[in-house]
Amino acid sequence: CVASGSFSISTMGWYRQASGKERELVALIGRTGATNYA
């Protein structure tokens, strides 16, 4: 995933949504590399 624009991004990550279900967290990563996973 590439982000474009003029900015300073803090957290980046991924969510997913299966058919018929709510969107859920997959993984996040902070600017310094700290991670969080489902």
PDB file of all heavy atoms in Angstrom:
ATOM      1  N   CYS A   1       0.853  -1.183   0.000  1.00  0.00           N
ATOM      2  CA  CYS A   1       0.000   0.000   0.000  1.00  0.00           C
ATOM      3  C   CYS A   1       0.886   1.228   0.000  1.00  0.00           C
ATOM      4  O   CYS A   1       1.708   1.398   0.908  1.00  0.00           O
ATOM      5  CB  CYS A   1      -0.923   0.000   1.202  1.00  0.00           C
ATOM      6  SG  CYS A   1      -1.891   1.502   1.397  1.00  0.00           S
ATOM      7  N   VAL A   2       0.690   2.085  -1.000  1.00  0.00           N
ATOM      8  CA  VAL A   2       1.449   3.323  -1.101  1.00  0.00           C
ATOM      9  C   VAL A   2       0.550   4.493  -0.763  1.00  0.00           C
ATOM     10  O   VAL A   2      -0.570   4.611  -1.295  1.00  0.00           O
ATOM     11  CB  VAL A   2       2.022   3.503  -2.517  1.00  0.00           C
ATOM     12  CG1 VAL A   2       2.810   4.790  -2.596  1.00  0.00           C
ATOM     13  CG2 VAL A   2       2.894   2.318  -2.887  1.00  0.00           C
ATOM     14  N   ALA A   3       1.040   5.351   0.098  1.00  0.00           N
ATOM     15  CA  ALA A   3       0.304   6.557   0.475  1.00  0.00           C
ATOM     16  C   ALA A   3       0.894   7.753  -0.260  1.00  0.00           C
ATOM     17  O   ALA A   3       2.113   7.941  -0.271  1.00  0.00           O
ATOM     18  CB  ALA A   3       0.393   6.775   1.973  1.00  0.00           C
ATOM     19  N   SER A   4       0.037   8.554  -0.857  1.00  0.00           N
ATOM     20  CA  SER A   4       0.504   9.745  -1.569  1.00  0.00           C
ATOM     21  C   SER A   4      -0.122  10.988  -0.959  1.00  0.00           C
ATOM     22  O   SER A   4      -1.209  10.945  -0.396  1.00  0.00           O
ATOM     23  CB  SER A   4       0.141   9.655  -3.053  1.00  0.00           C
ATOM     24  OG  SER A   4      -1.257   9.568  -3.217  1.00  0.00           O
ATOM     25  N   GLY A   5       0.588  12.094  -1.100  1.00  0.00           N
ATOM     26  CA  GLY A   5       0.123  13.354  -0.521  1.00  0.00           C
ATOM     27  C   GLY A   5       1.218  13.964   0.329  1.00  0.00           C
ATOM     28  O   GLY A   5       2.260  13.353   0.541  1.00  0.00           O
ATOM     29  N   SER A   6       0.974  15.151   0.811  1.00  0.00           N
ATOM     30  CA  SER A   6       1.947  15.853   1.648  1.00  0.00           C
ATOM     31  C   SER A   6       1.515  15.746   3.099  1.00  0.00           C
ATOM     32  O   SER A   6       0.490  16.293   3.491  1.00  0.00           O
ATOM     33  CB  SER A   6       2.027  17.324   1.235  1.00  0.00           C
ATOM     34  OG  SER A   6       2.948  18.006   2.053  1.00  0.00           O
ATOM     35  N   PHE A   7       2.287  15.016   3.924  1.00  0.00           N
ATOM     36  CA  PHE A   7       1.789  14.670   5.239  1.00  0.00           C
ATOM     37  C   PHE A   7       2.885  13.976   6.054  1.00  0.00           C
ATOM     38  O   PHE A   7       3.947  13.652   5.525  1.00  0.00           O
ATOM     39  CB  PHE A   7       0.636  13.674   5.098  1.00  0.00           C
ATOM     40  CG  PHE A   7       0.975  12.607   4.100  1.00  0.00           C
ATOM     41  CD1 PHE A   7       1.776  11.539   4.443  1.00  0.00           C
ATOM     42  CD2 PHE A   7       0.522  12.690   2.799  1.00  0.00           C
ATOM     43  CE1 PHE A   7       2.122  10.575   3.524  1.00  0.00           C
ATOM     44  CE2 PHE A   7       0.874  11.729   1.863  1.00  0.00           C
ATOM     45  CZ  PHE A   7       1.672  10.672   2.227  1.00  0.00           C
ATOM     46  N   SER A   8       2.583  13.730   7.314  1.00  0.00           N
ATOM     47  CA  SER A   8       3.432  12.900   8.169  1.00  0.00           C
ATOM     48  C   SER A   8       2.549  11.810   8.757  1.00  0.00           C
ATOM     49  O   SER A   8       1.683  12.087   9.601  1.00  0.00           O
ATOM     50  CB  SER A   8       4.051  13.739   9.285  1.00  0.00           C
ATOM     51  OG  SER A   8       4.808  12.919  10.141  1.00  0.00           O
ATOM     52  N   ILE A   9       2.749  10.612   8.296  1.00  0.00           N
ATOM     53  CA  ILE A   9       1.901   9.500   8.711  1.00  0.00           C
ATOM     54  C   ILE A   9       2.373   8.944  10.046  1.00  0.00           C
ATOM     55  O   ILE A   9       3.569   8.758  10.246  1.00  0.00           O
ATOM     56  CB  ILE A   9       1.919   8.385   7.660  1.00  0.00           C
ATOM     57  CG1 ILE A   9       1.350   8.894   6.334  1.00  0.00           C
ATOM     58  CG2 ILE A   9       1.122   7.185   8.137  1.00  0.00           C
ATOM     59  CD1 ILE A   9       1.447   7.881   5.219  1.00  0.00           C
ATOM     60  N   SER A  10       1.442   8.665  10.937  1.00  0.00           N
ATOM     61  CA  SER A  10       1.815   7.991  12.176  1.00  0.00           C
ATOM     62  C   SER A  10       1.597   6.484  12.001  1.00  0.00           C
ATOM     63  O   SER A  10       2.478   5.790  11.547  1.00  0.00           O
ATOM     64  CB  SER A  10       1.042   8.553  13.360  1.00  0.00           C
ATOM     65  OG  SER A  10      -0.348   8.540  13.116  1.00  0.00           O
ATOM     66  N   THR A  11       0.421   5.991  12.279  1.00  0.00           N
ATOM     67  CA  THR A  11       0.165   4.567  12.189  1.00  0.00           C
ATOM     68  C   THR A  11      -0.274   4.159  10.783  1.00  0.00           C
ATOM     69  O   THR A  11      -1.038   4.881  10.140  1.00  0.00           O
ATOM     70  CB  THR A  11      -0.923   4.153  13.183  1.00  0.00           C
ATOM     71  OG1 THR A  11      -0.504   4.484  14.503  1.00  0.00           O
ATOM     72  CG2 THR A  11      -1.215   2.660  13.118  1.00  0.00           C
ATOM     73  N   MET A  12       0.220   3.013  10.333  1.00  0.00           N
ATOM     74  CA  MET A  12      -0.253   2.406   9.085  1.00  0.00           C
ATOM     75  C   MET A  12      -0.677   0.971   9.393  1.00  0.00           C
ATOM     76  O   MET A  12      -0.254   0.388  10.401  1.00  0.00           O
ATOM     77  CB  MET A  12       0.829   2.388   8.013  1.00  0.00           C
ATOM     78  CG  MET A  12       1.344   3.756   7.636  1.00  0.00           C
ATOM     79  SD  MET A  12       2.471   3.729   6.224  1.00  0.00           S
ATOM     80  CE  MET A  12       1.294   3.622   4.854  1.00  0.00           C
ATOM     81  N   GLY A  13      -1.514   0.425   8.531  1.00  0.00           N
ATOM     82  CA  GLY A  13      -1.918  -0.944   8.813  1.00  0.00           C
ATOM     83  C   GLY A  13      -2.904  -1.510   7.822  1.00  0.00           C
ATOM     84  O   GLY A  13      -3.136  -0.926   6.753  1.00  0.00           O
ATOM     85  N   TRP A  14      -3.449  -2.643   8.219  1.00  0.00           N
ATOM     86  CA  TRP A  14      -4.388  -3.377   7.369  1.00  0.00           C
ATOM     87  C   TRP A  14      -5.578  -3.843   8.183  1.00  0.00           C
ATOM     88  O   TRP A  14      -5.423  -4.318   9.321  1.00  0.00           O
ATOM     89  CB  TRP A  14      -3.692  -4.596   6.754  1.00  0.00           C
ATOM     90  CG  TRP A  14      -2.571  -4.245   5.836  1.00  0.00           C
ATOM     91  CD1 TRP A  14      -1.256  -4.082   6.156  1.00  0.00           C
ATOM     92  CD2 TRP A  14      -2.674  -3.990   4.439  1.00  0.00           C
ATOM     93  NE1 TRP A  14      -0.534  -3.744   5.047  1.00  0.00           N
ATOM     94  CE2 TRP A  14      -1.367  -3.681   3.974  1.00  0.00           C
ATOM     95  CE3 TRP A  14      -3.717  -3.999   3.512  1.00  0.00           C
ATOM     96  CZ2 TRP A  14      -1.103  -3.384   2.628  1.00  0.00           C
ATOM     97  CZ3 TRP A  14      -3.463  -3.704   2.186  1.00  0.00           C
ATOM     98  CH2 TRP A  14      -2.167  -3.407   1.763  1.00  0.00           C
ATOM     99  N   TYR A  15      -6.726  -3.713   7.584  1.00  0.00           N
ATOM    100  CA  TYR A  15      -7.964  -4.280   8.093  1.00  0.00           C
ATOM    101  C   TYR A  15      -8.529  -5.176   7.006  1.00  0.00           C
ATOM    102  O   TYR A  15      -8.102  -5.101   5.850  1.00  0.00           O
ATOM    103  CB  TYR A  15      -8.982  -3.185   8.426  1.00  0.00           C
ATOM    104  CG  TYR A  15      -8.669  -2.415   9.688  1.00  0.00           C
ATOM    105  CD1 TYR A  15      -7.620  -1.514   9.744  1.00  0.00           C
ATOM    106  CD2 TYR A  15      -9.442  -2.592  10.833  1.00  0.00           C
ATOM    107  CE1 TYR A  15      -7.340  -0.813  10.906  1.00  0.00           C
ATOM    108  CE2 TYR A  15      -9.178  -1.887  12.006  1.00  0.00           C
ATOM    109  CZ  TYR A  15      -8.124  -1.003  12.027  1.00  0.00           C
ATOM    110  OH  TYR A  15      -7.850  -0.309  13.176  1.00  0.00           O
ATOM    111  N   ARG A  16      -9.472  -6.015   7.362  1.00  0.00           N
ATOM    112  CA  ARG A  16     -10.126  -6.846   6.357  1.00  0.00           C
ATOM    113  C   ARG A  16     -11.608  -7.004   6.668  1.00  0.00           C
ATOM    114  O   ARG A  16     -12.024  -6.878   7.818  1.00  0.00           O
ATOM    115  CB  ARG A  16      -9.469  -8.222   6.252  1.00  0.00           C
ATOM    116  CG  ARG A  16      -9.637  -9.114   7.474  1.00  0.00           C
ATOM    117  CD  ARG A  16      -8.808 -10.385   7.330  1.00  0.00           C
ATOM    118  NE  ARG A  16      -8.975 -11.268   8.491  1.00  0.00           N
ATOM    119  CZ  ARG A  16      -8.264 -12.382   8.663  1.00  0.00           C
ATOM    120  NH1 ARG A  16      -7.339 -12.742   7.769  1.00  0.00           N
ATOM    121  NH2 ARG A  16      -8.473 -13.128   9.731  1.00  0.00           N
ATOM    122  N   GLN A  17     -12.357  -7.285   5.611  1.00  0.00           N
ATOM    123  CA  GLN A  17     -13.792  -7.498   5.767  1.00  0.00           C
ATOM    124  C   GLN A  17     -14.211  -8.670   4.906  1.00  0.00           C
ATOM    125  O   GLN A  17     -14.126  -8.602   3.670  1.00  0.00           O
ATOM    126  CB  GLN A  17     -14.575  -6.250   5.384  1.00  0.00           C
ATOM    127  CG  GLN A  17     -16.062  -6.355   5.685  1.00  0.00           C
ATOM    128  CD  GLN A  17     -16.765  -5.016   5.594  1.00  0.00           C
ATOM    129  OE1 GLN A  17     -16.247  -4.052   5.028  1.00  0.00           O
ATOM    130  NE2 GLN A  17     -17.954  -4.932   6.170  1.00  0.00           N
ATOM    131  N   ALA A  18     -14.640  -9.729   5.554  1.00  0.00           N
ATOM    132  CA  ALA A  18     -15.155 -10.891   4.844  1.00  0.00           C
ATOM    133  C   ALA A  18     -16.633 -10.674   4.530  1.00  0.00           C
ATOM    134  O   ALA A  18     -17.301  -9.864   5.177  1.00  0.00           O
ATOM    135  CB  ALA A  18     -14.969 -12.146   5.681  1.00  0.00           C
ATOM    136  N   SER A  19     -17.115 -11.390   3.565  1.00  0.00           N
ATOM    137  CA  SER A  19     -18.505 -11.251   3.145  1.00  0.00           C
ATOM    138  C   SER A  19     -19.457 -11.518   4.315  1.00  0.00           C
ATOM    139  O   SER A  19     -19.354 -12.553   4.987  1.00  0.00           O
ATOM    140  CB  SER A  19     -18.806 -12.219   2.002  1.00  0.00           C
ATOM    141  OG  SER A  19     -20.142 -12.103   1.584  1.00  0.00           O
ATOM    142  N   GLY A  20     -20.340 -10.588   4.581  1.00  0.00           N
ATOM    143  CA  GLY A  20     -21.316 -10.750   5.647  1.00  0.00           C
ATOM    144  C   GLY A  20     -20.792 -10.473   7.037  1.00  0.00           C
ATOM    145  O   GLY A  20     -21.517 -10.668   8.018  1.00  0.00           O
ATOM    146  N   LYS A  21     -19.554 -10.014   7.142  1.00  0.00           N
ATOM    147  CA  LYS A  21     -18.963  -9.750   8.454  1.00  0.00           C
ATOM    148  C   LYS A  21     -18.520  -8.306   8.562  1.00  0.00           C
ATOM    149  O   LYS A  21     -18.414  -7.600   7.561  1.00  0.00           O
ATOM    150  CB  LYS A  21     -17.784 -10.696   8.696  1.00  0.00           C
ATOM    151  CG  LYS A  21     -18.169 -12.162   8.775  1.00  0.00           C
ATOM    152  CD  LYS A  21     -16.981 -13.007   9.172  1.00  0.00           C
ATOM    153  CE  LYS A  21     -17.371 -14.471   9.312  1.00  0.00           C
ATOM    154  NZ  LYS A  21     -16.209 -15.315   9.735  1.00  0.00           N
ATOM    155  N   GLU A  22     -18.224  -7.884   9.790  1.00  0.00           N
ATOM    156  CA  GLU A  22     -17.744  -6.533  10.009  1.00  0.00           C
ATOM    157  C   GLU A  22     -16.247  -6.440   9.694  1.00  0.00           C
ATOM    158  O   GLU A  22     -15.527  -7.434   9.731  1.00  0.00           O
ATOM    159  CB  GLU A  22     -17.991  -6.121  11.466  1.00  0.00           C
ATOM    160  CG  GLU A  22     -19.461  -6.020  11.829  1.00  0.00           C
ATOM    161  CD  GLU A  22     -19.668  -5.493  13.237  1.00  0.00           C
ATOM    162  OE1 GLU A  22     -18.679  -5.332  13.968  1.00  0.00           O
ATOM    163  OE2 GLU A  22     -20.831  -5.234  13.596  1.00  0.00           O
ATOM    164  N   ARG A  23     -15.818  -5.218   9.395  1.00  0.00           N
ATOM    165  CA  ARG A  23     -14.396  -4.987   9.171  1.00  0.00           C
ATOM    166  C   ARG A  23     -13.641  -5.242  10.468  1.00  0.00           C
ATOM    167  O   ARG A  23     -14.075  -4.824  11.543  1.00  0.00           O
ATOM    168  CB  ARG A  23     -14.165  -3.564   8.680  1.00  0.00           C
ATOM    169  CG  ARG A  23     -12.759  -3.286   8.175  1.00  0.00           C
ATOM    170  CD  ARG A  23     -12.648  -1.916   7.552  1.00  0.00           C
ATOM    171  NE  ARG A  23     -13.489  -1.768   6.376  1.00  0.00           N
ATOM    172  CZ  ARG A  23     -13.429  -0.719   5.558  1.00  0.00           C
ATOM    173  NH1 ARG A  23     -12.567   0.247   5.787  1.00  0.00           N
ATOM    174  NH2 ARG A  23     -14.238  -0.643   4.514  1.00  0.00           N
ATOM    175  N   GLU A  24     -12.482  -5.903  10.362  1.00  0.00           N
ATOM    176  CA  GLU A  24     -11.701  -6.228  11.549  1.00  0.00           C
ATOM    177  C   GLU A  24     -10.226  -5.885  11.341  1.00  0.00           C
ATOM    178  O   GLU A  24      -9.719  -5.886  10.223  1.00  0.00           O
ATOM    179  CB  GLU A  24     -11.828  -7.723  11.881  1.00  0.00           C
ATOM    180  CG  GLU A  24     -11.271  -8.645  10.828  1.00  0.00           C
ATOM    181  CD  GLU A  24     -11.330 -10.114  11.237  1.00  0.00           C
ATOM    182  OE1 GLU A  24     -11.882 -10.429  12.296  1.00  0.00           O
ATOM    183  OE2 GLU A  24     -10.797 -10.936  10.460  1.00  0.00           O
ATOM    184  N   LEU A  25      -9.568  -5.630  12.442  1.00  0.00           N
ATOM    185  CA  LEU A  25      -8.141  -5.345  12.417  1.00  0.00           C
ATOM    186  C   LEU A  25      -7.361  -6.592  12.023  1.00  0.00           C
ATOM    187  O   LEU A  25      -7.653  -7.690  12.491  1.00  0.00           O
ATOM    188  CB  LEU A  25      -7.680  -4.891  13.797  1.00  0.00           C
ATOM    189  CG  LEU A  25      -6.177  -4.803  14.006  1.00  0.00           C
ATOM    190  CD1 LEU A  25      -5.601  -3.637  13.219  1.00  0.00           C
ATOM    191  CD2 LEU A  25      -5.843  -4.665  15.488  1.00  0.00           C
ATOM    192  N   VAL A  26      -6.355  -6.390  11.165  1.00  0.00           N
ATOM    193  CA  VAL A  26      -5.402  -7.456  10.845  1.00  0.00           C
ATOM    194  C   VAL A  26      -4.074  -7.150  11.530  1.00  0.00           C
ATOM    195  O   VAL A  26      -3.570  -7.947  12.319  1.00  0.00           O
ATOM    196  CB  VAL A  26      -5.199  -7.591   9.328  1.00  0.00           C
ATOM    197  CG1 VAL A  26      -4.135  -8.646   9.033  1.00  0.00           C
ATOM    198  CG2 VAL A  26      -6.508  -7.938   8.635  1.00  0.00           C
ATOM    199  N   ALA A  27      -3.504  -5.982  11.220  1.00  0.00           N
ATOM    200  CA  ALA A  27      -2.218  -5.611  11.790  1.00  0.00           C
ATOM    201  C   ALA A  27      -2.004  -4.108  11.655  1.00  0.00           C
ATOM    202  O   ALA A  27      -2.456  -3.496  10.691  1.00  0.00           O
ATOM    203  CB  ALA A  27      -1.079  -6.366  11.115  1.00  0.00           C
ATOM    204  N   LEU A  28      -1.298  -3.544  12.634  1.00  0.00           N
ATOM    205  CA  LEU A  28      -0.926  -2.131  12.616  1.00  0.00           C
ATOM    206  C   LEU A  28       0.567  -2.003  12.884  1.00  0.00           C
ATOM    207  O   LEU A  28       1.157  -2.856  13.568  1.00  0.00           O
ATOM    208  CB  LEU A  28      -1.689  -1.353  13.684  1.00  0.00           C
ATOM    209  CG  LEU A  28      -3.211  -1.268  13.538  1.00  0.00           C
ATOM    210  CD1 LEU A  28      -3.812  -0.597  14.767  1.00  0.00           C
ATOM    211  CD2 LEU A  28      -3.584  -0.504  12.285  1.00  0.00           C
ATOM    212  N   ILE A  29       1.148  -0.926  12.382  1.00  0.00           N
ATOM    213  CA  ILE A  29       2.555  -0.657  12.645  1.00  0.00           C
ATOM    214  C   ILE A  29       2.735   0.840  12.841  1.00  0.00           C
ATOM    215  O   ILE A  29       2.250   1.653  12.039  1.00  0.00           O
ATOM    216  CB  ILE A  29       3.458  -1.203  11.516  1.00  0.00           C
ATOM    217  CG1 ILE A  29       4.931  -0.995  11.868  1.00  0.00           C
ATOM    218  CG2 ILE A  29       3.105  -0.593  10.165  1.00  0.00           C
ATOM    219  CD1 ILE A  29       5.879  -1.781  10.959  1.00  0.00           C
ATOM    220  N   GLY A  30       3.427   1.192  13.909  1.00  0.00           N
ATOM    221  CA  GLY A  30       3.700   2.587  14.182  1.00  0.00           C
ATOM    222  C   GLY A  30       4.888   3.087  13.381  1.00  0.00           C
ATOM    223  O   GLY A  30       5.593   2.311  12.718  1.00  0.00           O
ATOM    224  N   ARG A  31       5.115   4.390  13.451  1.00  0.00           N
ATOM    225  CA  ARG A  31       6.179   4.992  12.659  1.00  0.00           C
ATOM    226  C   ARG A  31       7.551   4.452  13.036  1.00  0.00           C
ATOM    227  O   ARG A  31       8.442   4.333  12.188  1.00  0.00           O
ATOM    228  CB  ARG A  31       6.145   6.516  12.794  1.00  0.00           C
ATOM    229  CG  ARG A  31       7.099   7.209  11.855  1.00  0.00           C
ATOM    230  CD  ARG A  31       6.831   8.693  11.732  1.00  0.00           C
ATOM    231  NE  ARG A  31       7.709   9.280  10.736  1.00  0.00           N
ATOM    232  CZ  ARG A  31       7.464   9.288   9.435  1.00  0.00           C
ATOM    233  NH1 ARG A  31       6.357   8.738   8.966  1.00  0.00           N
ATOM    234  NH2 ARG A  31       8.319   9.841   8.591  1.00  0.00           N
ATOM    235  N   THR A  32       7.728   4.085  14.301  1.00  0.00           N
ATOM    236  CA  THR A  32       9.019   3.561  14.744  1.00  0.00           C
ATOM    237  C   THR A  32       9.090   2.039  14.696  1.00  0.00           C
ATOM    238  O   THR A  32      10.096   1.462  15.102  1.00  0.00           O
ATOM    239  CB  THR A  32       9.329   4.033  16.167  1.00  0.00           C
ATOM    240  OG1 THR A  32       8.273   3.601  17.032  1.00  0.00           O
ATOM    241  CG2 THR A  32       9.458   5.550  16.223  1.00  0.00           C
ATOM    242  N   GLY A  33       8.032   1.394  14.216  1.00  0.00           N
ATOM    243  CA  GLY A  33       8.084  -0.044  13.995  1.00  0.00           C
ATOM    244  C   GLY A  33       7.334  -0.910  14.983  1.00  0.00           C
ATOM    245  O   GLY A  33       7.306  -2.140  14.820  1.00  0.00           O
ATOM    246  N   ALA A  34       6.721  -0.329  15.971  1.00  0.00           N
ATOM    247  CA  ALA A  34       5.935  -1.131  16.915  1.00  0.00           C
ATOM    248  C   ALA A  34       4.724  -1.729  16.195  1.00  0.00           C
ATOM    249  O   ALA A  34       4.069  -1.048  15.408  1.00  0.00           O
ATOM    250  CB  ALA A  34       5.466  -0.261  18.069  1.00  0.00           C
ATOM    251  N   THR A  35       4.458  -2.997  16.453  1.00  0.00           N
ATOM    252  CA  THR A  35       3.406  -3.697  15.720  1.00  0.00           C
ATOM    253  C   THR A  35       2.321  -4.247  16.639  1.00  0.00           C
ATOM    254  O   THR A  35       2.551  -4.467  17.830  1.00  0.00           O
ATOM    255  CB  THR A  35       3.980  -4.868  14.900  1.00  0.00           C
ATOM    256  OG1 THR A  35       4.650  -5.764  15.793  1.00  0.00           O
ATOM    257  CG2 THR A  35       4.952  -4.375  13.841  1.00  0.00           C
ATOM    258  N   ASN A  36       1.166  -4.473  16.047  1.00  0.00           N
ATOM    259  CA  ASN A  36       0.037  -5.066  16.748  1.00  0.00           C
ATOM    260  C   ASN A  36      -0.691  -5.963  15.755  1.00  0.00           C
ATOM    261  O   ASN A  36      -1.001  -5.517  14.644  1.00  0.00           O
ATOM    262  CB  ASN A  36      -0.902  -3.970  17.260  1.00  0.00           C
ATOM    263  CG  ASN A  36      -2.076  -4.523  18.029  1.00  0.00           C
ATOM    264  OD1 ASN A  36      -1.962  -5.550  18.690  1.00  0.00           O
ATOM    265  ND2 ASN A  36      -3.214  -3.856  17.951  1.00  0.00           N
ATOM    266  N   TYR A  37      -0.960  -7.210  16.145  1.00  0.00           N
ATOM    267  CA  TYR A  37      -1.594  -8.170  15.256  1.00  0.00           C
ATOM    268  C   TYR A  37      -2.869  -8.732  15.870  1.00  0.00           C
ATOM    269  O   TYR A  37      -2.962  -8.915  17.087  1.00  0.00           O
ATOM    270  CB  TYR A  37      -0.671  -9.364  14.981  1.00  0.00           C
ATOM    271  CG  TYR A  37       0.564  -9.055  14.190  1.00  0.00           C
ATOM    272  CD1 TYR A  37       1.763  -8.722  14.812  1.00  0.00           C
ATOM    273  CD2 TYR A  37       0.549  -9.101  12.789  1.00  0.00           C
ATOM    274  CE1 TYR A  37       2.910  -8.450  14.084  1.00  0.00           C
ATOM    275  CE2 TYR A  37       1.690  -8.838  12.047  1.00  0.00           C
ATOM    276  CZ  TYR A  37       2.867  -8.514  12.698  1.00  0.00           C
ATOM    277  OH  TYR A  37       3.991  -8.251  11.963  1.00  0.00           O
ATOM    278  N   ALA A  38      -3.809  -9.065  15.018  1.00  0.00           N
ATOM    279  CA  ALA A  38      -4.954  -9.845  15.464  1.00  0.00           C
ATOM    280  C   ALA A  38      -4.470 -11.246  15.829  1.00  0.00           C
ATOM    281  O   ALA A  38      -3.555 -11.783  15.196  1.00  0.00           O
ATOM    282  CB  ALA A  38      -5.995  -9.936  14.348  1.00  0.00           C
TER     283      ALA A  38
END
